[in-house]
Amino acid sequence: RELGRRWGFRAAASLSELDPRERFQAVSLLNVLDRVDDPAGLLRSAASRLDPAGGLVVCAVVLPFRGSVQLPGDRRRPPRRPLQLRRASGHARGFGRAAAA
């Protein structure tokens, strides 16, 4: 969190740590969607915190995506509301061309 403050970013372990009236230009969810009970709900919550003038939700997930919730004692269980991902091969090809350009 200290590094983020130095660079002008704020880090929080949960959106509930932040003032609910506060809006952001960007919200990042880095390697968390596969670890929560309701990933789609988390995405909706993150999007609701964006500035009304525009903003960006940045997500990173480990592939292949396999949702599981961490329990005490290094145990895991499936999420209560798993995220349904669809294969988007057209997007993947587009990213490849953009990266090669």
C-alpha atoms as a PDB file:
ATOM      1  CA  ARG A   1       0.000   0.000   0.000  1.00  0.00           C
ATOM      2  CA  GLU A   2       2.916   2.355   0.696  1.00  0.00           C
ATOM      3  CA  LEU A   3       4.184   2.084  -2.889  1.00  0.00           C
ATOM      4  CA  GLY A   4       0.718   2.923  -4.187  1.00  0.00           C
ATOM      5  CA  ARG A   5       0.537   6.030  -2.000  1.00  0.00           C
ATOM      6  CA  ARG A   6       3.908   7.169  -3.286  1.00  0.00           C
ATOM      7  CA  TRP A   7       2.665   6.850  -6.871  1.00  0.00           C
ATOM      8  CA  GLY A   8      -0.729   8.399  -6.161  1.00  0.00           C
ATOM      9  CA  PHE A   9      -2.742   5.160  -6.015  1.00  0.00           C
ATOM     10  CA  ARG A  10      -4.896   3.821  -3.206  1.00  0.00           C
ATOM     11  CA  ALA A  11      -5.033   0.147  -2.350  1.00  0.00           C
ATOM     12  CA  ALA A  12      -7.753  -1.569  -0.374  1.00  0.00           C
ATOM     13  CA  ALA A  13      -8.326  -5.204   0.521  1.00  0.00           C
ATOM     14  CA  SER A  14     -12.047  -4.621   0.026  1.00  0.00           C
ATOM     15  CA  LEU A  15     -14.288  -1.976  -1.548  1.00  0.00           C
ATOM     16  CA  SER A  16     -16.026  -1.766   1.826  1.00  0.00           C
ATOM     17  CA  GLU A  17     -12.861  -0.140   3.242  1.00  0.00           C
ATOM     18  CA  LEU A  18     -13.490   2.914   1.051  1.00  0.00           C
ATOM     19  CA  ASP A  19     -16.018   5.717   1.405  1.00  0.00           C
ATOM     20  CA  PRO A  20     -19.071   4.510  -0.577  1.00  0.00           C
ATOM     21  CA  ARG A  21     -19.575   8.020  -2.040  1.00  0.00           C
ATOM     22  CA  GLU A  22     -16.071   8.099  -3.508  1.00  0.00           C
ATOM     23  CA  ARG A  23     -15.684   7.457  -7.258  1.00  0.00           C
ATOM     24  CA  PHE A  24     -12.567   6.447  -9.170  1.00  0.00           C
ATOM     25  CA  GLN A  25     -11.126   6.719 -12.664  1.00  0.00           C
ATOM     26  CA  ALA A  26      -9.940   3.116 -12.447  1.00  0.00           C
ATOM     27  CA  VAL A  27     -10.501   0.090 -10.246  1.00  0.00           C
ATOM     28  CA  SER A  28      -8.171  -2.897 -10.582  1.00  0.00           C
ATOM     29  CA  LEU A  29      -9.043  -6.445  -9.607  1.00  0.00           C
ATOM     30  CA  LEU A  30      -5.796  -8.339  -9.929  1.00  0.00           C
ATOM     31  CA  ASN A  31      -6.013 -12.097  -9.423  1.00  0.00           C
ATOM     32  CA  VAL A  32      -9.090 -11.896  -7.188  1.00  0.00           C
ATOM     33  CA  LEU A  33     -12.030 -12.914  -9.415  1.00  0.00           C
ATOM     34  CA  ASP A  34     -11.088 -16.587  -9.063  1.00  0.00           C
ATOM     35  CA  ARG A  35     -10.985 -16.314  -5.243  1.00  0.00           C
ATOM     36  CA  VAL A  36     -14.342 -14.790  -4.263  1.00  0.00           C
ATOM     37  CA  ASP A  37     -17.822 -16.261  -3.742  1.00  0.00           C
ATOM     38  CA  ASP A  38     -19.527 -13.886  -6.191  1.00  0.00           C
ATOM     39  CA  PRO A  39     -17.122 -12.643  -8.886  1.00  0.00           C
ATOM     40  CA  ALA A  40     -19.889 -11.113 -11.035  1.00  0.00           C
ATOM     41  CA  GLY A  41     -21.130  -9.231  -7.964  1.00  0.00           C
ATOM     42  CA  LEU A  42     -17.607  -7.952  -7.325  1.00  0.00           C
ATOM     43  CA  LEU A  43     -17.394  -6.738 -10.939  1.00  0.00           C
ATOM     44  CA  ARG A  44     -20.736  -4.928 -10.571  1.00  0.00           C
ATOM     45  CA  SER A  45     -19.560  -3.329  -7.311  1.00  0.00           C
ATOM     46  CA  ALA A  46     -16.291  -2.225  -8.894  1.00  0.00           C
ATOM     47  CA  ALA A  47     -18.108  -0.740 -11.901  1.00  0.00           C
ATOM     48  CA  SER A  48     -20.488   1.134  -9.588  1.00  0.00           C
ATOM     49  CA  ARG A  49     -17.495   2.895  -8.009  1.00  0.00           C
ATOM     50  CA  LEU A  50     -16.326   4.390 -11.318  1.00  0.00           C
ATOM     51  CA  ASP A  51     -16.521   8.107 -12.006  1.00  0.00           C
ATOM     52  CA  PRO A  52     -19.784   8.896 -13.864  1.00  0.00           C
ATOM     53  CA  ALA A  53     -17.724  10.770 -16.491  1.00  0.00           C
ATOM     54  CA  GLY A  54     -15.983   7.497 -17.346  1.00  0.00           C
ATOM     55  CA  GLY A  55     -13.656   4.962 -15.875  1.00  0.00           C
ATOM     56  CA  LEU A  56     -12.040   1.603 -16.318  1.00  0.00           C
ATOM     57  CA  VAL A  57     -12.202  -1.698 -14.431  1.00  0.00           C
ATOM     58  CA  VAL A  58      -8.939  -3.585 -14.984  1.00  0.00           C
ATOM     59  CA  CYS A  59      -9.000  -7.323 -14.297  1.00  0.00           C
ATOM     60  CA  ALA A  60      -6.309  -9.975 -14.343  1.00  0.00           C
ATOM     61  CA  VAL A  61      -7.030 -13.652 -13.855  1.00  0.00           C
ATOM     62  CA  VAL A  62      -4.920 -16.777 -13.851  1.00  0.00           C
ATOM     63  CA  LEU A  63      -5.708 -19.029 -16.809  1.00  0.00           C
ATOM     64  CA  PRO A  64      -7.158 -21.535 -16.987  1.00  0.00           C
ATOM     65  CA  PHE A  65      -9.746 -19.884 -14.764  1.00  0.00           C
ATOM     66  CA  ARG A  66     -10.776 -22.148 -11.869  1.00  0.00           C
ATOM     67  CA  GLY A  67     -12.676 -20.389  -9.133  1.00  0.00           C
ATOM     68  CA  SER A  68     -12.099 -21.460  -5.537  1.00  0.00           C
ATOM     69  CA  VAL A  69     -12.490 -19.753  -2.189  1.00  0.00           C
ATOM     70  CA  GLN A  70      -9.629 -20.061   0.304  1.00  0.00           C
ATOM     71  CA  LEU A  71     -10.599 -21.505   3.689  1.00  0.00           C
ATOM     72  CA  PRO A  72      -8.574 -21.757   6.906  1.00  0.00           C
ATOM     73  CA  GLY A  73      -5.989 -24.517   6.932  1.00  0.00           C
ATOM     74  CA  ASP A  74      -5.140 -24.123   3.247  1.00  0.00           C
ATOM     75  CA  ARG A  75      -8.440 -25.734   2.216  1.00  0.00           C
ATOM     76  CA  ARG A  76     -10.549 -24.560  -0.730  1.00  0.00           C
ATOM     77  CA  ARG A  77     -14.147 -24.824  -1.880  1.00  0.00           C
ATOM     78  CA  PRO A  78     -16.010 -23.798  -5.036  1.00  0.00           C
ATOM     79  CA  PRO A  79     -17.503 -20.273  -5.093  1.00  0.00           C
ATOM     80  CA  ARG A  80     -21.200 -19.973  -4.267  1.00  0.00           C
ATOM     81  CA  ARG A  81     -21.863 -18.042  -7.500  1.00  0.00           C
ATOM     82  CA  PRO A  82     -19.147 -19.077  -9.980  1.00  0.00           C
ATOM     83  CA  LEU A  83     -18.254 -16.783 -12.851  1.00  0.00           C
ATOM     84  CA  GLN A  84     -19.265 -18.123 -16.242  1.00  0.00           C
ATOM     85  CA  LEU A  85     -16.581 -17.210 -18.762  1.00  0.00           C
ATOM     86  CA  ARG A  86     -17.078 -17.541 -22.497  1.00  0.00           C
ATOM     87  CA  ARG A  87     -14.326 -18.192 -24.966  1.00  0.00           C
ATOM     88  CA  ALA A  88     -13.645 -14.992 -26.920  1.00  0.00           C
ATOM     89  CA  SER A  89     -11.279 -16.155 -29.628  1.00  0.00           C
ATOM     90  CA  GLY A  90     -11.893 -13.049 -31.759  1.00  0.00           C
ATOM     91  CA  HIS A  91     -10.613 -10.860 -28.935  1.00  0.00           C
ATOM     92  CA  ALA A  92      -7.563 -13.033 -28.406  1.00  0.00           C
ATOM     93  CA  ARG A  93      -6.661 -12.785 -32.097  1.00  0.00           C
ATOM     94  CA  GLY A  94      -7.163  -9.018 -31.952  1.00  0.00           C
ATOM     95  CA  PHE A  95      -4.810  -8.683 -29.003  1.00  0.00           C
ATOM     96  CA  GLY A  96      -2.206 -10.749 -30.833  1.00  0.00           C
ATOM     97  CA  ARG A  97      -2.304  -8.482 -33.879  1.00  0.00           C
ATOM     98  CA  ALA A  98      -2.159  -5.361 -31.717  1.00  0.00           C
ATOM     99  CA  ALA A  99       0.789  -6.691 -29.754  1.00  0.00           C
ATOM    100  CA  ALA A 100       2.642  -7.575 -32.944  1.00  0.00           C
ATOM    101  CA  ALA A 101       2.094  -4.157 -34.525  1.00  0.00           C
END
